[in-house]
Amino acid sequence: MGDLAIVSGGSAARSFSTYHSQWILTVAVYSYTRFRRNPLRCFSRSNAVDGRFLSSSIGTVIEVSYRRVKATLTVVLVVLSFVGQLLPVRAASTLAISPSRTQEASSSGVTLVLTVKGVIGGQSYNDYWAVSDPSGKNFAITTTIVAPPSGNYTISKVYPRDFGVGAGLTYVGQYSVAIFQTAPTTSLVGAGQFGIGLTDKLFYQRTQAVSIKAAGYTANDMVTVSITKGGVAAPGFPIHVPADGSGNVFASWITTVNTLTGNYTVSLTGTSTAPKTPPDSQWFIIIPASLDLTPTALATSANSLAISTTVTQPDGTSFTRGDVTGQFYLSGMSVGTSIRLLYNQTQGKWMGSYQVQSSDPAGLWTLQVTALDSYGNDGQGSTSLSVTPPPAPPPQQNQFTSLWFLAVIAVIGVGALIGFRFLRRKKMLPPHLQVDSEAVNVEAERLMHRDFFRSIREQLAKKRDTGEGEKNG
C-alpha cells in the first residue's frame, strides 16, 4: 500500500508511511484547522513524483470540497490507524565488531555483537550470521531469540569459535560479515568487516619488536619467514621456524635505533604445507622512534635550578646516547641560554643546572627538554615551576678607575716631594757656589755676537778671494 498525502491549495502538508498511520489522525486534525476554507486534495503517495515534501499536486488527483469529504476522510483515517497497529514495526539494528584487526592464530578471535531495537516484544526472531574469509569460504550460523517486552535484544558471537568446524583465522585479508533476519520477515540487520594480518600492528617505531603470527600450516612443518625492504632482506632474515602441533607459527624481529625506516614486507611459506590463496604476505612500516621524556626542575641553594629527566625509547629501555638540551620559557619567551644535559649512569637520568640571574624575570617558568640522536629519533617533555630571581647587588666602583686615580695621586706626590727637596737644597748652597744667572746670560750673549761677526768676516774674505781668481783666469 502506498503512502497517503493530504494536500490543500495545491501543496502537500506531508506524506506519512502506513507504518506511522497512528500519526495520521493528528495530521487530519491539523489539516482541518489550517485548511478548513480551502479545498482538500487526496492522492496516492505512489503517484507523487516530486518528493516527500510536495510543492504541487502532480499525479492522479481527486479534488473535492471540504464539506463533501469530511465524513469520508474521517472513516478512512480511523481505518488506517487501526490497520497500522497490525503491520510490522520497523526496527533499528547495529553490528559492532571487535577488534577491527588482529593476527592469524588469535586465540581470542573476533567478537560480533548484534543489537536490535524497536521489535515486537514476545515475538520470536531468527537471525542468520554469515562470515566470508579472504579465500572465498563461507561459514554461517542461525540464532533464535524471543524479544523481551522492551522490544530490544542483543546477541554476541565470536568468530571462529562459534561458527563450526573449518572456520578459522588462517588467511591474510578482509573478512566480511552479514547478518539477515529471516523470521518473521527477511531483512539485512547488520554488516561489516574485520582484518587479519601476520603482524600485531601495521606501524612500528624503531626499537619496537615486530610480532609475527600465522596459522593453517601442517603440524611441525618448517616455515620460512622473510622480511624485505625494496627486495633487500632485513638484517638476520630469512629465518626458519617450525610450526607447532596446531599448525601455528610464531616469530619476531627486534628493530634497533638505526633500523631503516620505510615500507617492509613479511612473507611466510611452508615446506610441506600447500601454498595458501591468498598467500601469507603483508606490508608494515617502520618509523623513527618517539622518545618519552619526564623532566623535573627543582630549586636548590645559591639560586640554582637542578634539572633532570628520564628519556625512554619505545621498547622501554633508556636513551643513553644523543643530545639532550633544556630551555626555560616564560610566556613563550626564552629565559637564559640553552642548557646541555649529561647522562648520569648511576641515576639513569640526564642532568644539568641553571643559575638564576637577578636580571631574569619572575613568574611561572616552563622547562622544555628535547632529546635527539643522529638517526632522527627524537622527543620532547616539559614541566613548570615558579621562580623568584635574587635581588640585584649594589653597584660596585670600577676597580681600574680607582687604581688609576691612586697612581696619579702617587706620581703627583712624588713629584712634589722631589721639587721641594731640590728647592730646599738650592737655598742651602754656600754663597761662593751660588750662580749669578743674570751675569751668565750677559756673557753668553756677548760670546754669541762675537762668534757671529767672526763668521761674517770669514765669509766675506772667501768671496773676495773667489772673485779675484775669476778675473785672473
Protein backbone atom coordinates (compact mmCIF):
# COMPACT_ATOMS: atom_id res chain seq x y z
CA MET A 1 0.00 0.00 0.00
CA GLY A 2 1.32 3.46 -0.87
CA ASP A 3 1.68 6.43 1.47
CA LEU A 4 -1.17 8.88 1.96
CA ALA A 5 -0.67 12.58 1.21
CA ILE A 6 -3.02 15.34 2.32
CA VAL A 7 -2.92 18.38 0.08
CA SER A 8 -4.51 21.79 0.50
CA GLY A 9 -4.45 24.59 -2.01
CA GLY A 10 -2.00 22.77 -4.29
CA SER A 11 0.69 21.93 -1.68
CA ALA A 12 1.17 18.80 0.40
CA ALA A 13 1.08 19.07 4.18
CA ARG A 14 3.31 15.98 4.49
CA SER A 15 3.28 12.31 3.48
CA PHE A 16 3.35 9.51 6.00
CA SER A 17 4.05 5.83 5.69
CA THR A 18 1.35 3.40 6.67
CA TYR A 19 3.83 2.20 9.29
CA HIS A 20 3.23 5.52 11.01
CA SER A 21 -0.53 5.69 10.39
CA GLN A 22 -1.10 6.34 14.09
CA TRP A 23 0.12 9.88 13.36
CA ILE A 24 -2.39 10.46 10.53
CA LEU A 25 -5.25 11.38 12.82
CA THR A 26 -3.15 14.18 14.28
CA VAL A 27 -2.34 15.43 10.78
CA ALA A 28 -6.03 15.32 9.84
CA VAL A 29 -6.96 17.47 12.81
CA TYR A 30 -4.17 19.94 11.89
CA SER A 31 -5.40 19.99 8.26
CA TYR A 32 -8.96 20.65 9.35
CA THR A 33 -7.86 23.61 11.48
CA ARG A 34 -5.38 25.05 8.98
CA PHE A 35 -7.16 24.46 5.67
CA ARG A 36 -10.87 24.45 6.53
CA ARG A 37 -11.63 27.14 3.95
CA ASN A 38 -9.54 25.55 1.18
CA PRO A 39 -10.44 22.51 -0.91
CA LEU A 40 -8.65 19.30 0.08
CA ARG A 41 -6.85 17.13 -2.45
CA CYS A 42 -6.11 13.46 -1.82
CA PHE A 43 -3.95 11.21 -3.94
CA SER A 44 -1.91 8.04 -3.60
CA ARG A 45 1.69 8.61 -2.46
CA SER A 46 2.81 6.25 -5.22
CA ASN A 47 1.62 8.81 -7.76
CA ALA A 48 3.62 11.65 -6.24
CA VAL A 49 6.71 12.32 -8.33
CA ASP A 50 8.21 15.38 -6.70
CA GLY A 51 9.44 14.01 -3.39
CA ARG A 52 8.34 13.54 0.19
CA PHE A 53 7.58 17.24 0.67
CA LEU A 54 5.42 18.19 -2.35
CA SER A 55 5.16 21.64 -3.86
CA SER A 56 2.44 20.78 -6.38
CA SER A 57 -0.26 18.21 -6.83
CA ILE A 58 1.30 16.31 -9.71
CA GLY A 59 -0.18 12.89 -10.37
CA THR A 60 -3.67 11.45 -10.16
CA VAL A 61 -5.61 13.98 -8.08
CA ILE A 62 -9.16 13.89 -6.79
CA GLU A 63 -10.32 17.34 -5.76
CA VAL A 64 -13.43 17.71 -3.62
CA SER A 65 -14.82 20.40 -1.37
CA TYR A 66 -14.31 20.28 2.39
CA ARG A 67 -17.99 19.56 3.26
CA ARG A 68 -18.28 16.56 0.96
CA VAL A 69 -15.06 14.89 2.09
CA LYS A 70 -15.43 15.38 5.83
CA ALA A 71 -17.27 12.16 6.61
CA THR A 72 -15.32 10.01 4.16
CA LEU A 73 -11.91 11.25 5.35
CA THR A 74 -12.80 10.59 8.96
CA VAL A 75 -13.69 6.97 8.23
CA VAL A 76 -10.53 6.40 6.14
CA LEU A 77 -8.24 7.80 8.82
CA VAL A 78 -9.77 5.65 11.55
CA VAL A 79 -9.40 2.52 9.42
CA LEU A 80 -5.76 3.29 8.55
CA SER A 81 -4.92 3.92 12.19
CA PHE A 82 -6.31 0.51 13.14
CA VAL A 83 -4.51 -1.27 10.30
CA GLY A 84 -1.22 0.40 11.23
CA GLN A 85 -1.29 -1.28 14.62
CA LEU A 86 -1.34 -4.68 12.92
CA LEU A 87 1.53 -4.06 10.46
CA PRO A 88 5.17 -4.93 11.29
CA VAL A 89 7.13 -2.34 13.20
CA ARG A 90 10.32 -1.01 11.65
CA ALA A 91 13.39 -1.96 13.72
CA ALA A 92 16.82 -0.35 14.07
CA SER A 93 19.93 -2.51 14.33
CA THR A 94 23.70 -2.16 14.71
CA LEU A 95 26.63 -4.55 14.40
CA ALA A 96 29.77 -3.97 16.48
CA ILE A 97 33.00 -5.83 15.58
CA SER A 98 35.95 -6.03 17.98
CA PRO A 99 38.81 -5.95 17.31
CA SER A 100 38.68 -4.49 13.82
CA ARG A 101 42.09 -6.08 13.08
CA THR A 102 44.07 -8.92 14.63
CA GLN A 103 46.59 -11.62 13.72
CA GLU A 104 46.26 -15.10 12.38
CA ALA A 105 46.15 -17.69 15.16
CA SER A 106 44.49 -15.20 17.52
CA SER A 107 43.26 -17.22 20.48
CA SER A 108 40.54 -14.72 21.44
CA GLY A 109 39.06 -14.44 17.96
CA VAL A 110 36.78 -11.61 16.79
CA THR A 111 33.63 -10.68 18.72
CA LEU A 112 30.46 -9.81 16.77
CA VAL A 113 27.69 -8.03 18.71
CA LEU A 114 24.26 -7.52 17.09
CA THR A 115 21.86 -5.05 18.75
CA VAL A 116 18.27 -4.78 17.51
CA LYS A 117 15.78 -2.17 18.79
CA GLY A 118 12.13 -1.49 18.11
CA VAL A 119 10.82 -5.01 17.52
CA ILE A 120 7.64 -6.52 19.00
CA GLY A 121 8.05 -7.85 22.49
CA GLY A 122 7.30 -11.56 22.82
CA GLN A 123 7.84 -12.17 19.11
CA SER A 124 10.39 -14.81 18.02
CA TYR A 125 13.16 -13.65 15.67
CA ASN A 126 15.62 -15.71 13.64
CA ASP A 127 18.96 -14.19 12.57
CA TYR A 128 21.31 -15.71 10.00
CA TRP A 129 25.01 -14.91 10.56
CA ALA A 130 27.44 -15.36 7.64
CA VAL A 131 31.21 -14.78 7.54
CA SER A 132 33.23 -14.94 4.32
CA ASP A 133 37.04 -15.26 4.58
CA PRO A 134 39.60 -13.96 2.01
CA SER A 135 39.81 -17.39 0.35
CA GLY A 136 36.11 -17.25 -0.51
CA LYS A 137 34.91 -19.79 2.07
CA ASN A 138 31.69 -19.02 3.95
CA PHE A 139 30.73 -20.02 7.47
CA ALA A 140 27.25 -19.44 8.86
CA ILE A 141 25.09 -19.99 11.93
CA THR A 142 21.47 -19.19 12.83
CA THR A 143 20.27 -17.79 16.14
CA THR A 144 16.71 -17.60 17.52
CA ILE A 145 15.56 -15.25 20.23
CA VAL A 146 12.24 -14.14 21.71
CA ALA A 147 12.22 -10.36 22.00
CA PRO A 148 11.74 -9.08 25.55
CA PRO A 149 8.89 -6.69 26.38
CA SER A 150 11.16 -3.71 25.74
CA GLY A 151 11.38 -4.70 22.08
CA ASN A 152 15.22 -4.61 22.16
CA TYR A 153 17.64 -7.53 22.10
CA THR A 154 21.40 -8.14 21.81
CA ILE A 155 23.23 -11.25 20.60
CA SER A 156 27.02 -11.76 20.77
CA LYS A 157 29.02 -14.35 18.82
CA VAL A 158 32.77 -14.98 18.44
CA TYR A 159 34.39 -15.93 15.15
CA PRO A 160 35.73 -18.57 14.58
CA ARG A 161 34.79 -20.20 17.91
CA ASP A 162 31.01 -20.17 17.35
CA PHE A 163 30.97 -20.83 13.58
CA GLY A 164 31.63 -24.55 13.46
CA VAL A 165 34.31 -26.81 12.06
CA GLY A 166 36.54 -25.29 9.41
CA ALA A 167 36.15 -21.70 10.49
CA GLY A 168 39.41 -20.04 11.36
CA LEU A 169 41.69 -17.03 11.15
CA THR A 170 44.12 -18.59 8.70
CA TYR A 171 44.20 -16.10 5.81
CA VAL A 172 45.54 -12.57 5.46
CA GLY A 173 42.97 -10.03 4.33
CA GLN A 174 39.44 -8.75 4.97
CA TYR A 175 36.69 -10.95 6.41
CA SER A 176 33.13 -9.88 5.56
CA VAL A 177 30.20 -10.26 7.96
CA ALA A 178 26.48 -10.10 7.08
CA ILE A 179 23.50 -10.81 9.37
CA PHE A 180 19.99 -11.32 7.99
CA GLN A 181 16.74 -11.53 9.92
CA THR A 182 14.88 -14.47 8.42
CA ALA A 183 11.77 -14.56 10.61
CA PRO A 184 9.17 -13.18 10.99
CA THR A 185 10.36 -11.11 7.99
CA THR A 186 13.51 -11.10 5.90
CA SER A 187 15.84 -8.11 6.09
CA LEU A 188 19.51 -7.21 6.47
CA VAL A 189 20.11 -6.23 10.09
CA GLY A 190 23.92 -5.97 10.20
CA ALA A 191 27.05 -5.88 8.03
CA GLY A 192 30.74 -5.12 8.49
CA GLN A 193 34.34 -6.26 8.06
CA PHE A 194 37.42 -7.08 10.09
CA GLY A 195 41.04 -7.54 9.02
CA ILE A 196 43.51 -10.34 9.71
CA GLY A 197 47.27 -9.93 9.30
CA LEU A 198 50.58 -11.54 10.18
CA THR A 199 51.86 -8.72 12.42
CA ASP A 200 50.20 -7.30 15.52
CA LYS A 201 50.43 -3.76 14.08
CA LEU A 202 50.92 -2.04 10.75
CA PHE A 203 53.18 0.73 12.09
CA TYR A 204 56.20 0.27 14.37
CA GLN A 205 58.61 2.71 15.92
CA ARG A 206 62.29 1.92 15.95
CA THR A 207 63.35 -0.36 18.87
CA GLN A 208 59.88 -1.97 18.95
CA ALA A 209 59.53 -5.71 18.32
CA VAL A 210 57.59 -6.82 15.26
CA SER A 211 55.39 -9.73 16.38
CA ILE A 212 54.59 -12.30 13.66
CA LYS A 213 51.88 -14.96 13.92
CA ALA A 214 50.48 -17.31 11.29
CA ALA A 215 48.12 -20.28 11.24
CA GLY A 216 46.94 -23.01 8.90
CA TYR A 217 50.25 -24.83 8.43
CA THR A 218 50.93 -28.55 8.67
CA ALA A 219 51.84 -29.55 12.21
CA ASN A 220 55.60 -29.27 12.86
CA ASP A 221 56.22 -28.03 9.29
CA MET A 222 59.39 -25.96 8.77
CA VAL A 223 58.23 -22.48 7.74
CA THR A 224 60.42 -19.81 6.13
CA VAL A 225 59.85 -16.28 7.43
CA SER A 226 61.16 -13.46 5.20
CA ILE A 227 61.24 -9.71 5.82
CA THR A 228 62.36 -7.49 2.96
CA LYS A 229 62.56 -3.79 2.14
CA GLY A 230 62.60 -2.99 -1.54
CA GLY A 231 63.61 -6.56 -2.29
CA VAL A 232 66.53 -6.46 0.18
CA ALA A 233 66.37 -8.78 3.18
CA ALA A 234 66.21 -7.23 6.64
CA PRO A 235 69.18 -7.97 8.95
CA GLY A 236 69.00 -11.56 10.19
CA PHE A 237 66.36 -12.70 7.68
CA PRO A 238 65.11 -15.02 6.31
CA ILE A 239 64.71 -17.37 9.25
CA HIS A 240 63.24 -20.89 9.51
CA VAL A 241 60.68 -21.57 12.23
CA PRO A 242 58.87 -24.87 12.94
CA ALA A 243 55.09 -24.78 13.25
CA ASP A 244 53.63 -26.10 16.48
CA GLY A 245 51.33 -29.12 16.76
CA SER A 246 48.31 -26.96 15.82
CA GLY A 247 49.97 -25.55 12.71
CA ASN A 248 50.66 -22.14 14.23
CA VAL A 249 53.88 -20.21 13.59
CA PHE A 250 55.39 -17.56 15.87
CA ALA A 251 58.34 -15.26 15.10
CA SER A 252 59.57 -11.75 15.85
CA TRP A 253 62.01 -9.09 14.69
CA ILE A 254 63.66 -6.71 17.16
CA THR A 255 64.30 -3.35 15.49
CA THR A 256 67.07 -1.00 16.64
CA VAL A 257 67.61 2.75 16.90
CA ASN A 258 69.16 2.79 13.43
CA THR A 259 66.85 0.38 11.59
CA LEU A 260 66.00 1.83 8.20
CA THR A 261 62.59 3.43 8.14
CA GLY A 262 60.06 2.74 5.41
CA ASN A 263 57.81 0.04 4.00
CA TYR A 264 58.63 -3.64 4.67
CA THR A 265 57.03 -6.89 3.54
CA VAL A 266 56.79 -10.04 5.66
CA SER A 267 56.08 -13.37 3.96
CA LEU A 268 55.72 -16.96 5.18
CA THR A 269 55.96 -20.17 3.15
CA GLY A 270 55.81 -23.76 4.38
CA THR A 271 57.87 -26.73 3.36
CA SER A 272 55.15 -29.38 3.25
CA THR A 273 52.14 -27.09 3.58
CA ALA A 274 50.33 -26.34 0.34
CA PRO A 275 50.61 -22.69 -0.76
CA LYS A 276 47.84 -20.51 0.59
CA THR A 277 45.49 -18.47 -1.57
CA PRO A 278 45.83 -15.62 -0.79
CA PRO A 279 49.44 -16.14 0.36
CA ASP A 280 50.70 -15.25 3.82
CA SER A 281 52.22 -11.88 2.91
CA GLN A 282 51.67 -8.42 4.32
CA TRP A 283 53.27 -4.96 4.50
CA PHE A 284 54.19 -2.94 7.58
CA ILE A 285 56.02 0.34 8.14
CA ILE A 286 58.93 1.34 10.40
CA ILE A 287 59.01 4.99 11.57
CA PRO A 288 61.52 6.93 13.74
CA ALA A 289 61.30 6.36 17.47
CA SER A 290 59.33 8.84 19.56
CA LEU A 291 61.23 9.28 22.82
CA ASP A 292 59.35 9.71 26.10
CA LEU A 293 60.72 12.41 28.43
CA THR A 294 59.73 13.12 32.06
CA PRO A 295 61.69 16.24 33.08
CA THR A 296 61.84 17.79 36.56
CA ALA A 297 63.25 21.13 37.76
CA LEU A 298 63.91 21.84 41.44
CA ALA A 299 65.20 24.97 43.15
CA THR A 300 68.37 24.41 45.18
CA SER A 301 70.57 26.69 47.28
CA ALA A 302 72.55 29.57 45.79
CA ASN A 303 69.75 30.40 43.30
CA SER A 304 70.42 27.29 41.22
CA LEU A 305 67.83 25.13 39.43
CA ALA A 306 68.60 21.41 39.24
CA ILE A 307 67.33 19.83 36.02
CA SER A 308 66.92 16.11 35.37
CA THR A 309 64.92 13.90 33.04
CA THR A 310 64.48 10.29 32.11
CA VAL A 311 64.41 9.51 28.39
CA THR A 312 62.75 6.24 27.41
CA GLN A 313 62.74 4.55 24.00
CA PRO A 314 59.61 2.85 22.59
CA ASP A 315 60.84 -0.57 23.72
CA GLY A 316 61.06 0.68 27.33
CA THR A 317 64.84 0.91 27.51
CA SER A 318 66.75 4.06 28.46
CA PHE A 319 68.04 6.51 25.87
CA THR A 320 71.71 6.95 26.76
CA ARG A 321 73.36 8.34 23.63
CA GLY A 322 72.45 11.55 21.88
CA ASP A 323 71.86 15.22 22.62
CA VAL A 324 69.55 16.32 25.41
CA THR A 325 69.04 20.05 25.98
CA GLY A 326 66.77 22.16 28.12
CA GLN A 327 65.41 25.68 27.71
CA PHE A 328 63.36 27.78 30.12
CA TYR A 329 60.44 29.87 28.85
CA LEU A 330 58.17 32.50 30.36
CA SER A 331 55.03 33.40 28.42
CA GLY A 332 56.55 31.97 25.26
CA MET A 333 59.80 33.96 25.57
CA SER A 334 63.07 32.15 26.25
CA VAL A 335 64.83 32.76 29.55
CA GLY A 336 68.60 32.47 29.63
CA THR A 337 70.53 30.23 27.29
CA SER A 338 70.13 26.60 26.27
CA ILE A 339 71.25 24.08 28.90
CA ARG A 340 73.04 20.93 27.87
CA LEU A 341 72.26 17.86 29.96
CA LEU A 342 74.66 14.98 30.53
CA TYR A 343 73.74 11.35 31.16
CA ASN A 344 74.33 10.12 34.71
CA GLN A 345 74.92 6.39 34.51
CA THR A 346 74.39 5.88 38.24
CA GLN A 347 70.99 7.57 38.40
CA GLY A 348 69.94 6.66 34.87
CA LYS A 349 68.98 10.27 34.15
CA TRP A 350 70.11 13.20 32.06
CA MET A 351 71.12 16.03 34.40
CA GLY A 352 72.09 19.71 34.32
CA SER A 353 71.58 23.01 36.15
CA TYR A 354 70.78 26.66 35.59
CA GLN A 355 71.94 29.63 37.68
CA VAL A 356 69.13 32.13 38.13
CA GLN A 357 70.29 35.70 37.48
CA SER A 358 68.91 38.84 39.11
CA SER A 359 68.10 40.10 35.61
CA ASP A 360 65.85 37.08 34.90
CA PRO A 361 62.08 37.69 35.03
CA ALA A 362 60.00 36.32 37.88
CA GLY A 363 56.99 34.09 37.27
CA LEU A 364 55.94 30.58 36.26
CA TRP A 365 58.75 29.22 34.13
CA THR A 366 58.30 26.31 31.73
CA LEU A 367 61.19 23.96 31.15
CA GLN A 368 61.17 22.25 27.76
CA VAL A 369 63.61 19.40 27.29
CA THR A 370 64.42 17.98 23.85
CA ALA A 371 66.19 14.69 23.10
CA LEU A 372 67.61 13.84 19.67
CA ASP A 373 70.03 11.33 18.24
CA SER A 374 71.91 11.17 14.95
CA TYR A 375 69.34 8.78 13.42
CA GLY A 376 66.40 11.17 13.69
CA ASN A 377 64.76 9.65 16.77
CA ASP A 378 63.53 12.46 18.99
CA GLY A 379 61.12 13.52 21.70
CA GLN A 380 60.14 16.38 23.98
CA GLY A 381 58.88 16.85 27.50
CA SER A 382 58.09 19.82 29.71
CA THR A 383 57.45 20.86 33.30
CA SER A 384 56.84 24.13 35.13
CA LEU A 385 57.94 25.81 38.35
CA SER A 386 57.63 29.24 39.93
CA VAL A 387 60.88 31.23 40.02
CA THR A 388 61.78 34.38 42.01
CA PRO A 389 65.19 35.76 40.94
CA PRO A 390 67.62 37.09 43.60
CA PRO A 391 67.76 40.87 44.24
CA ALA A 392 70.22 42.91 42.20
CA PRO A 393 73.57 43.53 44.02
CA PRO A 394 74.60 47.14 44.91
CA PRO A 395 76.59 48.96 42.20
CA GLN A 396 80.35 48.41 42.51
CA GLN A 397 83.03 51.08 41.88
CA ASN A 398 85.22 50.46 38.89
CA GLN A 399 88.41 48.95 40.27
CA PHE A 400 90.50 50.08 37.31
CA THR A 401 89.44 53.70 37.76
CA SER A 402 90.32 53.56 41.43
CA LEU A 403 93.80 52.22 40.75
CA TRP A 404 94.44 54.86 38.07
CA PHE A 405 93.36 57.62 40.39
CA LEU A 406 95.68 56.36 43.14
CA ALA A 407 98.57 56.09 40.68
CA VAL A 408 98.10 59.73 39.57
CA ILE A 409 97.98 60.89 43.17
CA ALA A 410 101.17 58.97 43.92
CA VAL A 411 103.02 60.49 40.95
CA ILE A 412 101.97 63.99 41.91
CA GLY A 413 103.07 63.38 45.46
CA VAL A 414 106.46 62.05 44.45
CA GLY A 415 106.99 64.99 42.06
CA ALA A 416 106.13 67.49 44.76
CA LEU A 417 108.45 65.83 47.19
CA ILE A 418 111.35 65.87 44.73
CA GLY A 419 110.74 69.52 43.84
CA PHE A 420 110.54 70.50 47.46
CA ARG A 421 113.82 68.78 48.25
CA PHE A 422 115.52 70.37 45.22
CA LEU A 423 114.49 73.89 46.18
CA ARG A 424 115.49 73.32 49.74
CA ARG A 425 118.89 72.07 48.65
CA LYS A 426 119.39 75.09 46.37
CA LYS A 427 118.77 77.53 49.18
CA MET A 428 121.26 75.73 51.40
CA LEU A 429 124.30 76.16 48.98
CA PRO A 430 127.19 78.41 50.25
CA PRO A 431 127.42 81.90 48.73
CA HIS A 432 130.58 81.20 46.75
CA LEU A 433 128.83 78.26 44.95
CA GLN A 434 125.70 80.14 44.05
CA VAL A 435 125.37 81.13 40.36
CA ASP A 436 124.56 84.65 39.18
CA SER A 437 122.19 83.77 36.42
CA GLU A 438 121.98 87.31 35.06
CA ALA A 439 125.73 87.55 34.60
CA VAL A 440 125.77 84.19 32.87
CA ASN A 441 123.17 85.38 30.41
CA VAL A 442 125.09 88.58 29.55
CA GLU A 443 128.31 86.72 28.92
CA ALA A 444 126.56 84.14 26.75
CA GLU A 445 125.04 86.88 24.62
CA ARG A 446 128.40 88.60 24.20
CA LEU A 447 130.11 85.44 23.10
CA MET A 448 127.31 84.66 20.67
CA HIS A 449 127.69 88.08 18.99
CA ARG A 450 131.43 87.76 18.79
CA ASP A 451 131.23 84.44 17.04
CA PHE A 452 128.55 85.77 14.71
CA PHE A 453 130.71 88.69 13.47
CA ARG A 454 133.73 86.43 13.07
CA SER A 455 131.68 84.12 10.84
CA ILE A 456 130.60 87.03 8.64
CA ARG A 457 134.15 88.25 8.14
CA GLU A 458 135.30 84.79 7.12
CA GLN A 459 132.52 84.51 4.53
CA LEU A 460 133.38 87.92 3.01
CA ALA A 461 137.09 87.03 2.74
CA LYS A 462 136.23 83.81 0.89
CA LYS A 463 134.01 85.67 -1.53
CA ARG A 464 136.71 88.27 -2.30
CA ASP A 465 139.34 85.63 -3.00
CA THR A 466 136.96 83.82 -5.32
CA GLY A 467 136.28 86.97 -7.38
CA GLU A 468 139.96 87.75 -7.94
CA GLY A 469 140.64 84.26 -9.16
CA GLU A 470 137.97 84.54 -11.83
CA LYS A 471 139.46 87.82 -13.17
CA ASN A 472 142.97 86.35 -13.46
CA GLY A 473 141.60 83.34 -15.25
